[in-house]
Amino acid sequence: VTYHLVKNNPDEYQAYNKAILFCPHCLKANTWQQDNNQWHAYPGGLI
């Protein structure tokens, strides 16, 4: 289990995604759940 507090720092968010191999652009790939149109990161969110 990992977690991230989204701040107004895109570099920190990108570093987190890189550390856990999460690709926001890959969400539409066949292996990801297809009902994810609302998913996006925003400042003040806990991931």
All heavy atoms as atom14 arrays in JSON, in Angstrom:
{
  "sequence": "VTYHLVKNNPDEYQAYNKAILFCPHCLKANTWQQDNNQWHAYPGGLI",
  "atom14_mask": [
    [1, 1, 1, 1, 1, 1, 1, 0, 0, 0, 0, 0, 0, 0],
    [1, 1, 1, 1, 1, 1, 1, 0, 0, 0, 0, 0, 0, 0],
    [1, 1, 1, 1, 1, 1, 1, 1, 1, 1, 1, 1, 0, 0],
    [1, 1, 1, 1, 1, 1, 1, 1, 1, 1, 0, 0, 0, 0],
    [1, 1, 1, 1, 1, 1, 1, 1, 0, 0, 0, 0, 0, 0],
    [1, 1, 1, 1, 1, 1, 1, 0, 0, 0, 0, 0, 0, 0],
    [1, 1, 1, 1, 1, 1, 1, 1, 1, 0, 0, 0, 0, 0],
    [1, 1, 1, 1, 1, 1, 1, 1, 0, 0, 0, 0, 0, 0],
    [1, 1, 1, 1, 1, 1, 1, 1, 0, 0, 0, 0, 0, 0],
    [1, 1, 1, 1, 1, 1, 1, 0, 0, 0, 0, 0, 0, 0],
    [1, 1, 1, 1, 1, 1, 1, 1, 0, 0, 0, 0, 0, 0],
    [1, 1, 1, 1, 1, 1, 1, 1, 1, 0, 0, 0, 0, 0],
    [1, 1, 1, 1, 1, 1, 1, 1, 1, 1, 1, 1, 0, 0],
    [1, 1, 1, 1, 1, 1, 1, 1, 1, 0, 0, 0, 0, 0],
    [1, 1, 1, 1, 1, 0, 0, 0, 0, 0, 0, 0, 0, 0],
    [1, 1, 1, 1, 1, 1, 1, 1, 1, 1, 1, 1, 0, 0],
    [1, 1, 1, 1, 1, 1, 1, 1, 0, 0, 0, 0, 0, 0],
    [1, 1, 1, 1, 1, 1, 1, 1, 1, 0, 0, 0, 0, 0],
    [1, 1, 1, 1, 1, 0, 0, 0, 0, 0, 0, 0, 0, 0],
    [1, 1, 1, 1, 1, 1, 1, 1, 0, 0, 0, 0, 0, 0],
    [1, 1, 1, 1, 1, 1, 1, 1, 0, 0, 0, 0, 0, 0],
    [1, 1, 1, 1, 1, 1, 1, 1, 1, 1, 1, 0, 0, 0],
    [1, 1, 1, 1, 1, 1, 0, 0, 0, 0, 0, 0, 0, 0],
    [1, 1, 1, 1, 1, 1, 1, 0, 0, 0, 0, 0, 0, 0],
    [1, 1, 1, 1, 1, 1, 1, 1, 1, 1, 0, 0, 0, 0],
    [1, 1, 1, 1, 1, 1, 0, 0, 0, 0, 0, 0, 0, 0],
    [1, 1, 1, 1, 1, 1, 1, 1, 0, 0, 0, 0, 0, 0],
    [1, 1, 1, 1, 1, 1, 1, 1, 1, 0, 0, 0, 0, 0],
    [1, 1, 1, 1, 1, 0, 0, 0, 0, 0, 0, 0, 0, 0],
    [1, 1, 1, 1, 1, 1, 1, 1, 0, 0, 0, 0, 0, 0],
    [1, 1, 1, 1, 1, 1, 1, 0, 0, 0, 0, 0, 0, 0],
    [1, 1, 1, 1, 1, 1, 1, 1, 1, 1, 1, 1, 1, 1],
    [1, 1, 1, 1, 1, 1, 1, 1, 1, 0, 0, 0, 0, 0],
    [1, 1, 1, 1, 1, 1, 1, 1, 1, 0, 0, 0, 0, 0],
    [1, 1, 1, 1, 1, 1, 1, 1, 0, 0, 0, 0, 0, 0],
    [1, 1, 1, 1, 1, 1, 1, 1, 0, 0, 0, 0, 0, 0],
    [1, 1, 1, 1, 1, 1, 1, 1, 0, 0, 0, 0, 0, 0],
    [1, 1, 1, 1, 1, 1, 1, 1, 1, 0, 0, 0, 0, 0],
    [1, 1, 1, 1, 1, 1, 1, 1, 1, 1, 1, 1, 1, 1],
    [1, 1, 1, 1, 1, 1, 1, 1, 1, 1, 0, 0, 0, 0],
    [1, 1, 1, 1, 1, 0, 0, 0, 0, 0, 0, 0, 0, 0],
    [1, 1, 1, 1, 1, 1, 1, 1, 1, 1, 1, 1, 0, 0],
    [1, 1, 1, 1, 1, 1, 1, 0, 0, 0, 0, 0, 0, 0],
    [1, 1, 1, 1, 0, 0, 0, 0, 0, 0, 0, 0, 0, 0],
    [1, 1, 1, 1, 0, 0, 0, 0, 0, 0, 0, 0, 0, 0],
    [1, 1, 1, 1, 1, 1, 1, 1, 0, 0, 0, 0, 0, 0],
    [1, 1, 1, 1, 1, 1, 1, 1, 0, 0, 0, 0, 0, 0]
  ],
  "atom14_positions": [
    [[0.84, -1.19, 0.0], [0.0, 0.0, 0.0], [0.88, 1.24, 0.0], [1.82, 1.35, 0.79], [-0.92, 0.02, 1.24], [-1.88, 1.22, 1.17], [-1.7, -1.28, 1.37], [0.0, 0.0, 0.0], [0.0, 0.0, 0.0], [0.0, 0.0, 0.0], [0.0, 0.0, 0.0], [0.0, 0.0, 0.0], [0.0, 0.0, 0.0], [0.0, 0.0, 0.0]],
    [[0.58, 2.17, -0.92], [1.27, 3.46, -0.95], [0.22, 4.56, -0.94], [-0.97, 4.3, -1.14], [2.16, 3.6, -2.2], [1.34, 3.61, -3.37], [3.2, 2.51, -2.27], [0.0, 0.0, 0.0], [0.0, 0.0, 0.0], [0.0, 0.0, 0.0], [0.0, 0.0, 0.0], [0.0, 0.0, 0.0], [0.0, 0.0, 0.0], [0.0, 0.0, 0.0]],
    [[0.66, 5.79, -0.73], [-0.25, 6.92, -0.66], [0.5, 8.19, -1.05], [1.73, 8.24, -1.0], [-0.82, 7.07, 0.75], [0.25, 7.01, 1.82], [0.91, 8.16, 2.21], [0.63, 5.8, 2.38], [1.93, 8.1, 3.15], [1.63, 5.73, 3.32], [2.28, 6.89, 3.71], [3.29, 6.84, 4.63], [0.0, 0.0, 0.0], [0.0, 0.0, 0.0]],
    [[-0.26, 9.19, -1.44], [0.34, 10.45, -1.86], [-0.64, 11.59, -1.58], [-1.82, 11.48, -1.93], [0.67, 10.41, -3.35], [1.3, 11.64, -3.87], [2.62, 11.94, -3.65], [0.8, 12.67, -4.59], [2.92, 13.09, -4.23], [1.83, 13.56, -4.8], [0.0, 0.0, 0.0], [0.0, 0.0, 0.0], [0.0, 0.0, 0.0], [0.0, 0.0, 0.0]],
    [[-0.17, 12.65, -0.94], [-0.96, 13.86, -0.77], [-0.64, 14.77, -1.95], [0.51, 15.19, -2.13], [-0.6, 14.57, 0.53], [-1.12, 13.94, 1.81], [-0.57, 14.66, 3.03], [-2.63, 13.98, 1.83], [0.0, 0.0, 0.0], [0.0, 0.0, 0.0], [0.0, 0.0, 0.0], [0.0, 0.0, 0.0], [0.0, 0.0, 0.0], [0.0, 0.0, 0.0]],
    [[-1.63, 15.04, -2.78], [-1.41, 15.85, -3.97], [-1.3, 17.32, -3.57], [-2.18, 17.86, -2.92], [-2.54, 15.66, -5.01], [-2.25, 16.47, -6.26], [-2.72, 14.19, -5.34], [0.0, 0.0, 0.0], [0.0, 0.0, 0.0], [0.0, 0.0, 0.0], [0.0, 0.0, 0.0], [0.0, 0.0, 0.0], [0.0, 0.0, 0.0], [0.0, 0.0, 0.0]],
    [[-0.2, 17.93, -3.97], [0.03, 19.34, -3.7], [0.15, 20.06, -5.04], [-0.02, 19.45, -6.09], [1.32, 19.51, -2.89], [1.3, 18.77, -1.56], [2.62, 18.83, -0.87], [2.61, 17.96, 0.38], [3.92, 17.82, 0.97], [0.0, 0.0, 0.0], [0.0, 0.0, 0.0], [0.0, 0.0, 0.0], [0.0, 0.0, 0.0], [0.0, 0.0, 0.0]],
    [[0.42, 21.33, -5.0], [0.61, 22.09, -6.25], [2.04, 21.93, -6.74], [2.72, 22.9, -7.04], [0.28, 23.57, -6.03], [-1.2, 23.79, -5.9], [-1.99, 23.15, -6.58], [-1.6, 24.69, -5.01], [0.0, 0.0, 0.0], [0.0, 0.0, 0.0], [0.0, 0.0, 0.0], [0.0, 0.0, 0.0], [0.0, 0.0, 0.0], [0.0, 0.0, 0.0]],
    [[2.5, 20.69, -6.81], [3.87, 20.4, -7.22], [3.84, 19.23, -8.2], [3.9, 18.07, -7.8], [4.73, 20.06, -6.0], [6.18, 19.83, -6.35], [6.52, 19.61, -7.51], [7.03, 19.86, -5.36], [0.0, 0.0, 0.0], [0.0, 0.0, 0.0], [0.0, 0.0, 0.0], [0.0, 0.0, 0.0], [0.0, 0.0, 0.0], [0.0, 0.0, 0.0]],
    [[3.72, 19.52, -9.5], [3.64, 18.43, -10.48], [4.86, 17.53, -10.49], [4.75, 16.33, -10.79], [3.46, 19.14, -11.82], [3.58, 20.59, -11.57], [3.64, 20.83, -10.1], [0.0, 0.0, 0.0], [0.0, 0.0, 0.0], [0.0, 0.0, 0.0], [0.0, 0.0, 0.0], [0.0, 0.0, 0.0], [0.0, 0.0, 0.0], [0.0, 0.0, 0.0]],
    [[6.04, 18.05, -10.16], [7.25, 17.22, -10.15], [7.15, 16.14, -9.07], [7.56, 15.0, -9.28], [8.5, 18.07, -9.93], [8.79, 18.98, -11.12], [8.32, 18.68, -12.24], [9.49, 19.99, -10.92], [0.0, 0.0, 0.0], [0.0, 0.0, 0.0], [0.0, 0.0, 0.0], [0.0, 0.0, 0.0], [0.0, 0.0, 0.0], [0.0, 0.0, 0.0]],
    [[6.62, 16.5, -7.9], [6.47, 15.53, -6.81], [5.47, 14.45, -7.19], [5.69, 13.27, -6.94], [6.03, 16.27, -5.54], [6.19, 15.44, -4.29], [5.92, 16.26, -3.04], [6.88, 16.86, -2.51], [4.76, 16.28, -2.58], [0.0, 0.0, 0.0], [0.0, 0.0, 0.0], [0.0, 0.0, 0.0], [0.0, 0.0, 0.0], [0.0, 0.0, 0.0]],
    [[4.36, 14.84, -7.83], [3.35, 13.88, -8.28], [3.94, 12.95, -9.33], [3.72, 11.73, -9.3], [2.13, 14.63, -8.81], [1.04, 13.74, -9.34], [0.38, 12.83, -8.51], [0.66, 13.78, -10.67], [-0.62, 12.01, -8.99], [-0.33, 12.97, -11.17], [-0.97, 12.08, -10.33], [-1.96, 11.26, -10.82], [0.0, 0.0, 0.0], [0.0, 0.0, 0.0]],
    [[4.7, 13.49, -10.27], [5.34, 12.66, -11.29], [6.37, 11.71, -10.68], [6.49, 10.55, -11.1], [5.99, 13.53, -12.36], [4.97, 14.22, -13.24], [5.6, 15.21, -14.21], [6.8, 15.5, -14.16], [4.79, 15.75, -15.1], [0.0, 0.0, 0.0], [0.0, 0.0, 0.0], [0.0, 0.0, 0.0], [0.0, 0.0, 0.0], [0.0, 0.0, 0.0]],
    [[7.1, 12.17, -9.67], [8.08, 11.3, -9.0], [7.36, 10.15, -8.3], [7.83, 9.01, -8.32], [8.9, 12.11, -8.0], [0.0, 0.0, 0.0], [0.0, 0.0, 0.0], [0.0, 0.0, 0.0], [0.0, 0.0, 0.0], [0.0, 0.0, 0.0], [0.0, 0.0, 0.0], [0.0, 0.0, 0.0], [0.0, 0.0, 0.0], [0.0, 0.0, 0.0]],
    [[6.23, 10.44, -7.68], [5.45, 9.38, -7.03], [4.97, 8.37, -8.06], [5.12, 7.16, -7.88], [4.26, 10.0, -6.28], [3.28, 8.97, -5.76], [3.62, 8.15, -4.69], [2.03, 8.82, -6.34], [2.73, 7.2, -4.21], [1.13, 7.88, -5.87], [1.49, 7.07, -4.81], [0.61, 6.12, -4.34], [0.0, 0.0, 0.0], [0.0, 0.0, 0.0]],
    [[4.37, 8.86, -9.16], [3.9, 7.95, -10.2], [5.03, 7.09, -10.76], [4.86, 5.9, -11.01], [3.24, 8.73, -11.34], [1.85, 9.18, -11.0], [1.19, 8.62, -10.13], [1.39, 10.2, -11.69], [0.0, 0.0, 0.0], [0.0, 0.0, 0.0], [0.0, 0.0, 0.0], [0.0, 0.0, 0.0], [0.0, 0.0, 0.0], [0.0, 0.0, 0.0]],
    [[6.2, 7.69, -10.93], [7.35, 6.95, -11.44], [7.8, 5.88, -10.44], [8.13, 4.75, -10.83], [8.51, 7.91, -11.73], [9.69, 7.24, -12.37], [10.76, 8.25, -12.73], [11.94, 7.55, -13.38], [13.01, 8.49, -13.7], [0.0, 0.0, 0.0], [0.0, 0.0, 0.0], [0.0, 0.0, 0.0], [0.0, 0.0, 0.0], [0.0, 0.0, 0.0]],
    [[7.77, 6.21, -9.14], [8.2, 5.26, -8.11], [7.3, 4.03, -8.05], [7.77, 2.94, -7.73], [8.24, 5.95, -6.74], [0.0, 0.0, 0.0], [0.0, 0.0, 0.0], [0.0, 0.0, 0.0], [0.0, 0.0, 0.0], [0.0, 0.0, 0.0], [0.0, 0.0, 0.0], [0.0, 0.0, 0.0], [0.0, 0.0, 0.0], [0.0, 0.0, 0.0]],
    [[6.02, 4.19, -8.38], [5.09, 3.05, -8.31], [4.64, 2.58, -9.7], [3.7, 1.8, -9.81], [3.88, 3.38, -7.43], [3.08, 4.54, -8.03], [4.29, 3.67, -6.0], [1.71, 4.67, -7.46], [0.0, 0.0, 0.0], [0.0, 0.0, 0.0], [0.0, 0.0, 0.0], [0.0, 0.0, 0.0], [0.0, 0.0, 0.0], [0.0, 0.0, 0.0]],
    [[5.31, 3.07, -10.73], [5.03, 2.69, -12.12], [3.56, 2.85, -12.49], [2.93, 1.96, -13.07], [5.49, 1.25, -12.38], [6.97, 0.96, -12.13], [7.28, -0.5, -12.34], [7.86, 1.84, -13.0], [0.0, 0.0, 0.0], [0.0, 0.0, 0.0], [0.0, 0.0, 0.0], [0.0, 0.0, 0.0], [0.0, 0.0, 0.0], [0.0, 0.0, 0.0]],
    [[3.01, 4.01, -12.15], [1.64, 4.34, -12.53], [1.68, 5.3, -13.71], [2.36, 6.32, -13.66], [0.87, 4.99, -11.38], [-0.56, 5.29, -11.72], [-1.53, 4.3, -11.62], [-0.93, 6.55, -12.16], [-2.85, 4.56, -11.94], [-2.26, 6.82, -12.48], [-3.21, 5.83, -12.37], [0.0, 0.0, 0.0], [0.0, 0.0, 0.0], [0.0, 0.0, 0.0]],
    [[0.94, 4.97, -14.75], [0.92, 5.79, -15.96], [-0.48, 6.37, -16.15], [-1.39, 5.66, -16.59], [1.31, 4.94, -17.16], [1.13, 5.79, -18.74], [0.0, 0.0, 0.0], [0.0, 0.0, 0.0], [0.0, 0.0, 0.0], [0.0, 0.0, 0.0], [0.0, 0.0, 0.0], [0.0, 0.0, 0.0], [0.0, 0.0, 0.0], [0.0, 0.0, 0.0]],
    [[-0.68, 7.66, -15.81], [-2.02, 8.25, -15.98], [-2.52, 8.18, -17.41], [-3.72, 8.06, -17.65], [-1.82, 9.71, -15.56], [-0.59, 9.73, -14.73], [0.27, 8.61, -15.24], [0.0, 0.0, 0.0], [0.0, 0.0, 0.0], [0.0, 0.0, 0.0], [0.0, 0.0, 0.0], [0.0, 0.0, 0.0], [0.0, 0.0, 0.0], [0.0, 0.0, 0.0]],
    [[-1.62, 8.21, -18.39], [-2.01, 8.16, -19.79], [-2.41, 6.75, -20.24], [-3.0, 6.58, -21.3], [-0.89, 8.69, -20.68], [-0.43, 10.06, -20.28], [-1.21, 11.18, -20.42], [0.71, 10.48, -19.68], [-0.57, 12.23, -19.96], [0.6, 11.83, -19.5], [0.0, 0.0, 0.0], [0.0, 0.0, 0.0], [0.0, 0.0, 0.0], [0.0, 0.0, 0.0]],
    [[-2.09, 5.75, -19.41], [-2.38, 4.36, -19.78], [-3.74, 3.89, -19.27], [-4.1, 2.73, -19.46], [-1.31, 3.43, -19.22], [0.35, 3.85, -19.78], [0.0, 0.0, 0.0], [0.0, 0.0, 0.0], [0.0, 0.0, 0.0], [0.0, 0.0, 0.0], [0.0, 0.0, 0.0], [0.0, 0.0, 0.0], [0.0, 0.0, 0.0], [0.0, 0.0, 0.0]],
    [[-4.51, 4.76, -18.63], [-5.76, 4.34, -18.02], [-6.76, 3.76, -19.01], [-7.65, 3.01, -18.63], [-6.41, 5.49, -17.25], [-5.66, 5.93, -16.01], [-6.38, 7.11, -15.36], [-5.5, 4.8, -15.02], [0.0, 0.0, 0.0], [0.0, 0.0, 0.0], [0.0, 0.0, 0.0], [0.0, 0.0, 0.0], [0.0, 0.0, 0.0], [0.0, 0.0, 0.0]],
    [[-6.64, 4.1, -20.26], [-7.57, 3.57, -21.26], [-7.1, 2.24, -21.85], [-7.77, 1.67, -22.69], [-7.75, 4.58, -22.4], [-8.35, 5.89, -21.95], [-9.76, 5.69, -21.48], [-10.38, 7.01, -21.06], [-11.5, 6.87, -20.2], [0.0, 0.0, 0.0], [0.0, 0.0, 0.0], [0.0, 0.0, 0.0], [0.0, 0.0, 0.0], [0.0, 0.0, 0.0]],
    [[-5.98, 1.74, -21.37], [-5.47, 0.46, -21.88], [-6.43, -0.67, -21.51], [-7.2, -0.57, -20.56], [-4.09, 0.18, -21.3], [0.0, 0.0, 0.0], [0.0, 0.0, 0.0], [0.0, 0.0, 0.0], [0.0, 0.0, 0.0], [0.0, 0.0, 0.0], [0.0, 0.0, 0.0], [0.0, 0.0, 0.0], [0.0, 0.0, 0.0], [0.0, 0.0, 0.0]],
    [[-6.36, -1.75, -22.24], [-7.28, -2.87, -22.04], [-7.21, -3.49, -20.66], [-8.18, -4.05, -20.19], [-7.02, -3.95, -23.09], [-7.41, -3.49, -24.47], [-8.24, -2.61, -24.62], [-6.79, -4.08, -25.48], [0.0, 0.0, 0.0], [0.0, 0.0, 0.0], [0.0, 0.0, 0.0], [0.0, 0.0, 0.0], [0.0, 0.0, 0.0], [0.0, 0.0, 0.0]],
    [[-6.08, -3.41, -20.01], [-5.95, -4.06, -18.7], [-6.44, -3.18, -17.56], [-6.48, -3.63, -16.42], [-4.48, -4.45, -18.41], [-3.69, -3.27, -18.48], [-4.0, -5.49, -19.39], [0.0, 0.0, 0.0], [0.0, 0.0, 0.0], [0.0, 0.0, 0.0], [0.0, 0.0, 0.0], [0.0, 0.0, 0.0], [0.0, 0.0, 0.0], [0.0, 0.0, 0.0]],
    [[-6.8, -1.94, -17.84], [-7.34, -1.07, -16.8], [-8.85, -1.04, -16.92], [-9.41, -1.07, -18.01], [-6.79, 0.35, -16.92], [-5.43, 0.48, -16.33], [-4.25, 0.36, -17.0], [-5.08, 0.71, -14.97], [-3.2, 0.51, -16.14], [-3.69, 0.74, -14.88], [-5.82, 0.91, -13.82], [-3.01, 0.94, -13.69], [-5.16, 1.12, -12.63], [-3.77, 1.13, -12.57]],
    [[-9.52, -0.97, -15.79], [-10.97, -0.85, -15.74], [-11.41, 0.28, -16.67], [-10.8, 1.34, -16.7], [-11.37, -0.57, -14.29], [-12.74, -0.04, -14.1], [-12.8, 0.97, -12.99], [-11.79, 1.36, -12.44], [-13.98, 1.41, -12.67], [0.0, 0.0, 0.0], [0.0, 0.0, 0.0], [0.0, 0.0, 0.0], [0.0, 0.0, 0.0], [0.0, 0.0, 0.0]],
    [[-12.44, 0.07, -17.44], [-12.83, 1.03, -18.46], [-13.7, 2.18, -17.93], [-13.79, 3.22, -18.54], [-13.58, 0.32, -19.59], [-12.68, -0.64, -20.35], [-11.49, 0.06, -20.99], [-11.64, 1.02, -21.7], [-10.28, -0.42, -20.7], [0.0, 0.0, 0.0], [0.0, 0.0, 0.0], [0.0, 0.0, 0.0], [0.0, 0.0, 0.0], [0.0, 0.0, 0.0]],
    [[-14.36, 2.0, -16.8], [-15.24, 3.03, -16.25], [-14.45, 3.97, -15.35], [-14.63, 4.01, -14.14], [-16.4, 2.39, -15.49], [-17.39, 3.41, -14.98], [-17.44, 4.53, -15.56], [-18.11, 3.11, -14.03], [0.0, 0.0, 0.0], [0.0, 0.0, 0.0], [0.0, 0.0, 0.0], [0.0, 0.0, 0.0], [0.0, 0.0, 0.0], [0.0, 0.0, 0.0]],
    [[-13.51, 4.7, -15.93], [-12.63, 5.55, -15.13], [-12.56, 6.98, -15.68], [-11.59, 7.67, -15.48], [-11.23, 4.94, -15.04], [-10.66, 4.66, -16.42], [-11.02, 5.31, -17.38], [-9.79, 3.69, -16.51], [0.0, 0.0, 0.0], [0.0, 0.0, 0.0], [0.0, 0.0, 0.0], [0.0, 0.0, 0.0], [0.0, 0.0, 0.0], [0.0, 0.0, 0.0]],
    [[-13.6, 7.42, -16.35], [-13.59, 8.74, -16.97], [-13.46, 9.87, -15.96], [-12.99, 10.96, -16.3], [-14.86, 8.95, -17.8], [-14.92, 8.0, -18.97], [-13.89, 7.59, -19.49], [-16.12, 7.62, -19.38], [0.0, 0.0, 0.0], [0.0, 0.0, 0.0], [0.0, 0.0, 0.0], [0.0, 0.0, 0.0], [0.0, 0.0, 0.0], [0.0, 0.0, 0.0]],
    [[-13.87, 9.66, -14.72], [-13.82, 10.71, -13.71], [-12.48, 10.77, -12.98], [-12.24, 11.68, -12.21], [-14.93, 10.49, -12.67], [-16.31, 10.58, -13.24], [-17.35, 10.31, -12.17], [-17.06, 9.85, -11.07], [-18.6, 10.62, -12.49], [0.0, 0.0, 0.0], [0.0, 0.0, 0.0], [0.0, 0.0, 0.0], [0.0, 0.0, 0.0], [0.0, 0.0, 0.0]],
    [[-11.59, 9.82, -13.22], [-10.36, 9.77, -12.44], [-9.39, 10.85, -12.89], [-9.0, 10.91, -14.04], [-9.68, 8.4, -12.55], [-8.93, 8.15, -11.29], [-9.3, 7.32, -10.29], [-7.72, 8.78, -10.87], [-8.4, 7.42, -9.26], [-7.42, 8.31, -9.59], [-6.88, 9.7, -11.43], [-6.32, 8.71, -8.87], [-5.78, 10.12, -10.71], [-5.51, 9.61, -9.45]],
    [[-8.98, 11.69, -11.94], [-7.91, 12.65, -12.16], [-7.38, 13.09, -10.8], [-8.08, 13.03, -9.79], [-8.38, 13.85, -13.0], [-9.36, 14.73, -12.28], [-10.69, 14.42, -12.18], [-9.18, 15.9, -11.63], [-11.3, 15.37, -11.49], [-10.41, 16.27, -11.14], [0.0, 0.0, 0.0], [0.0, 0.0, 0.0], [0.0, 0.0, 0.0], [0.0, 0.0, 0.0]],
    [[-6.14, 13.52, -10.78], [-5.52, 14.01, -9.55], [-5.8, 15.5, -9.4], [-5.91, 16.21, -10.4], [-4.02, 13.76, -9.57], [0.0, 0.0, 0.0], [0.0, 0.0, 0.0], [0.0, 0.0, 0.0], [0.0, 0.0, 0.0], [0.0, 0.0, 0.0], [0.0, 0.0, 0.0], [0.0, 0.0, 0.0], [0.0, 0.0, 0.0], [0.0, 0.0, 0.0]],
    [[-5.92, 15.95, -8.17], [-6.17, 17.36, -7.89], [-5.54, 17.74, -6.56], [-5.43, 16.9, -5.65], [-7.68, 17.67, -7.87], [-8.47, 16.68, -7.04], [-8.56, 16.81, -5.64], [-9.12, 15.6, -7.64], [-9.27, 15.89, -4.89], [-9.83, 14.69, -6.89], [-9.91, 14.84, -5.52], [-10.61, 13.94, -4.77], [0.0, 0.0, 0.0], [0.0, 0.0, 0.0]],
    [[-5.08, 18.98, -6.42], [-4.47, 19.42, -5.16], [-5.43, 19.23, -3.99], [-6.63, 19.48, -4.11], [-4.18, 20.9, -5.4], [-4.05, 21.02, -6.89], [-5.04, 20.02, -7.44], [0.0, 0.0, 0.0], [0.0, 0.0, 0.0], [0.0, 0.0, 0.0], [0.0, 0.0, 0.0], [0.0, 0.0, 0.0], [0.0, 0.0, 0.0], [0.0, 0.0, 0.0]],
    [[-4.89, 18.74, -2.88], [-5.69, 18.49, -1.68], [-6.26, 17.09, -1.63], [-6.92, 16.73, -0.66], [0.0, 0.0, 0.0], [0.0, 0.0, 0.0], [0.0, 0.0, 0.0], [0.0, 0.0, 0.0], [0.0, 0.0, 0.0], [0.0, 0.0, 0.0], [0.0, 0.0, 0.0], [0.0, 0.0, 0.0], [0.0, 0.0, 0.0], [0.0, 0.0, 0.0]],
    [[-6.02, 16.3, -2.67], [-6.52, 14.94, -2.69], [-5.52, 13.97, -2.08], [-4.31, 14.15, -2.18], [0.0, 0.0, 0.0], [0.0, 0.0, 0.0], [0.0, 0.0, 0.0], [0.0, 0.0, 0.0], [0.0, 0.0, 0.0], [0.0, 0.0, 0.0], [0.0, 0.0, 0.0], [0.0, 0.0, 0.0], [0.0, 0.0, 0.0], [0.0, 0.0, 0.0]],
    [[-6.04, 12.96, -1.4], [-5.21, 11.86, -0.9], [-5.38, 10.71, -1.87], [-6.51, 10.28, -2.14], [-5.65, 11.44, 0.5], [-4.96, 10.19, 1.06], [-3.46, 10.41, 1.23], [-5.59, 9.78, 2.38], [0.0, 0.0, 0.0], [0.0, 0.0, 0.0], [0.0, 0.0, 0.0], [0.0, 0.0, 0.0], [0.0, 0.0, 0.0], [0.0, 0.0, 0.0]],
    [[-4.28, 10.23, -2.41], [-4.27, 9.08, -3.32], [-3.8, 7.86, -2.54], [-2.83, 7.94, -1.78], [-3.33, 9.31, -4.52], [-3.86, 10.44, -5.4], [-3.16, 8.03, -5.34], [-2.91, 10.83, -6.53], [0.0, 0.0, 0.0], [0.0, 0.0, 0.0], [0.0, 0.0, 0.0], [0.0, 0.0, 0.0], [0.0, 0.0, 0.0], [0.0, 0.0, 0.0]]
  ]
}
